[in-house]
Amino acid sequence: SGKSSIIKELLSSCNANDWLVLKMKFDRQVAPLSVLLQSLDAFFGYFVRSRREPSAQESFERISRSILTSIDNECLSQLCELLPNLRKLFLLANPQNDSV
């Protein structure tokens, strides 16, 4: 039906523009929310592994600013409980703040 071709074209365009792309595969036997959380945690895991690379640092700073301006501290704490790699990143970026 052409869906795969469209996705491949979209991915190549995103990669050419240095976008980060999340890939997920939904399974009928697994709750979709858990798949989404695993993918998001893996996404933030990329930044944990690549935190010393300037481009990864810059991207995480943009993402973290967006997160911090969109939610309050309680929501951030809850999000960090669901996404351990996000918690690691915020702790690495701000070691004196262990409230996340």
Protein backbone atom coordinates (compact mmCIF):
# COMPACT_ATOMS: atom_id res chain seq x y z
CA SER A 1 0.00 0.00 0.00
CA GLY A 2 3.05 2.29 -0.07
CA LYS A 3 3.19 3.00 3.68
CA SER A 4 6.69 1.56 4.02
CA SER A 5 7.94 3.63 1.08
CA ILE A 6 6.53 6.80 2.61
CA ILE A 7 8.12 6.01 5.98
CA LYS A 8 11.51 5.28 4.37
CA GLU A 9 11.38 8.58 2.48
CA LEU A 10 10.36 10.45 5.60
CA LEU A 11 13.15 8.82 7.62
CA SER A 12 15.80 9.69 5.05
CA SER A 13 14.58 13.29 5.04
CA CYS A 14 14.66 13.43 8.85
CA ASN A 15 18.16 11.93 8.96
CA ALA A 16 19.38 14.37 6.31
CA ASN A 17 18.21 17.24 8.52
CA ASP A 18 19.81 15.73 11.68
CA TRP A 19 16.48 14.97 13.32
CA LEU A 20 16.22 12.27 15.95
CA VAL A 21 13.63 9.63 15.12
CA LEU A 22 11.90 7.25 17.53
CA LYS A 23 11.11 3.80 16.16
CA MET A 24 8.41 1.68 17.76
CA LYS A 25 6.66 -1.51 16.91
CA PHE A 26 3.33 -2.10 18.55
CA ASP A 27 2.38 -5.61 19.51
CA ARG A 28 -1.22 -6.63 20.04
CA GLN A 29 -0.17 -8.61 23.13
CA VAL A 30 1.64 -5.72 24.87
CA ALA A 31 0.02 -2.58 26.23
CA PRO A 32 0.78 0.31 23.83
CA LEU A 33 1.71 2.62 26.71
CA SER A 34 4.51 0.30 27.81
CA VAL A 35 5.89 0.23 24.26
CA LEU A 36 5.81 4.02 24.13
CA LEU A 37 7.53 4.31 27.53
CA GLN A 38 10.23 1.81 26.52
CA SER A 39 10.87 3.74 23.32
CA LEU A 40 11.04 7.08 25.11
CA ASP A 41 13.37 5.64 27.74
CA ALA A 42 15.60 4.26 24.97
CA PHE A 43 15.51 7.69 23.32
CA PHE A 44 16.77 9.34 26.51
CA GLY A 45 19.27 6.49 26.92
CA TYR A 46 20.89 7.72 23.69
CA PHE A 47 21.66 10.99 25.46
CA VAL A 48 23.00 9.20 28.54
CA ARG A 49 25.44 7.28 26.33
CA SER A 50 26.30 10.29 24.14
CA ARG A 51 26.24 13.08 26.72
CA ARG A 52 29.84 14.10 26.03
CA GLU A 53 29.16 14.70 22.34
CA PRO A 54 28.42 18.40 21.71
CA SER A 55 25.51 17.73 19.33
CA ALA A 56 23.85 15.35 21.82
CA GLN A 57 24.39 17.85 24.63
CA GLU A 58 22.86 20.65 22.60
CA SER A 59 19.87 18.50 21.62
CA PHE A 60 19.26 17.42 25.20
CA GLU A 61 19.44 21.01 26.41
CA ARG A 62 16.74 22.00 23.90
CA ILE A 63 14.59 19.02 24.83
CA SER A 64 15.02 19.58 28.57
CA ARG A 65 14.11 23.28 28.25
CA SER A 66 10.93 22.26 26.42
CA ILE A 67 10.09 19.72 29.10
CA LEU A 68 10.80 22.11 31.97
CA THR A 69 8.68 24.89 30.48
CA SER A 70 5.79 22.51 29.80
CA ILE A 71 5.37 20.71 33.12
CA ASP A 72 5.74 21.44 36.83
CA ASN A 73 8.19 19.73 39.23
CA GLU A 74 5.67 17.13 40.36
CA CYS A 75 5.00 16.06 36.77
CA LEU A 76 8.72 16.00 36.06
CA SER A 77 9.24 13.75 39.07
CA GLN A 78 6.50 11.39 37.87
CA LEU A 79 7.93 11.38 34.35
CA CYS A 80 11.37 10.55 35.71
CA GLU A 81 9.90 7.61 37.63
CA LEU A 82 8.53 6.24 34.36
CA LEU A 83 11.67 7.02 32.35
CA PRO A 84 14.84 6.09 34.31
CA ASN A 85 17.15 7.42 31.60
CA LEU A 86 15.46 10.82 31.74
CA ARG A 87 16.08 10.87 35.49
CA LYS A 88 19.75 10.01 34.93
CA LEU A 89 20.07 12.87 32.46
CA PHE A 90 18.55 15.44 34.76
CA LEU A 91 20.78 14.23 37.60
CA LEU A 92 23.85 14.40 35.36
CA ALA A 93 22.92 17.90 34.23
CA ASN A 94 22.10 19.12 37.74
CA PRO A 95 23.76 16.83 40.32
CA GLN A 96 22.75 18.93 43.35
CA ASN A 97 19.05 18.44 42.53
CA ASP A 98 18.04 14.94 43.57
CA SER A 99 14.30 15.73 43.62
CA VAL A 100 13.73 14.30 40.12
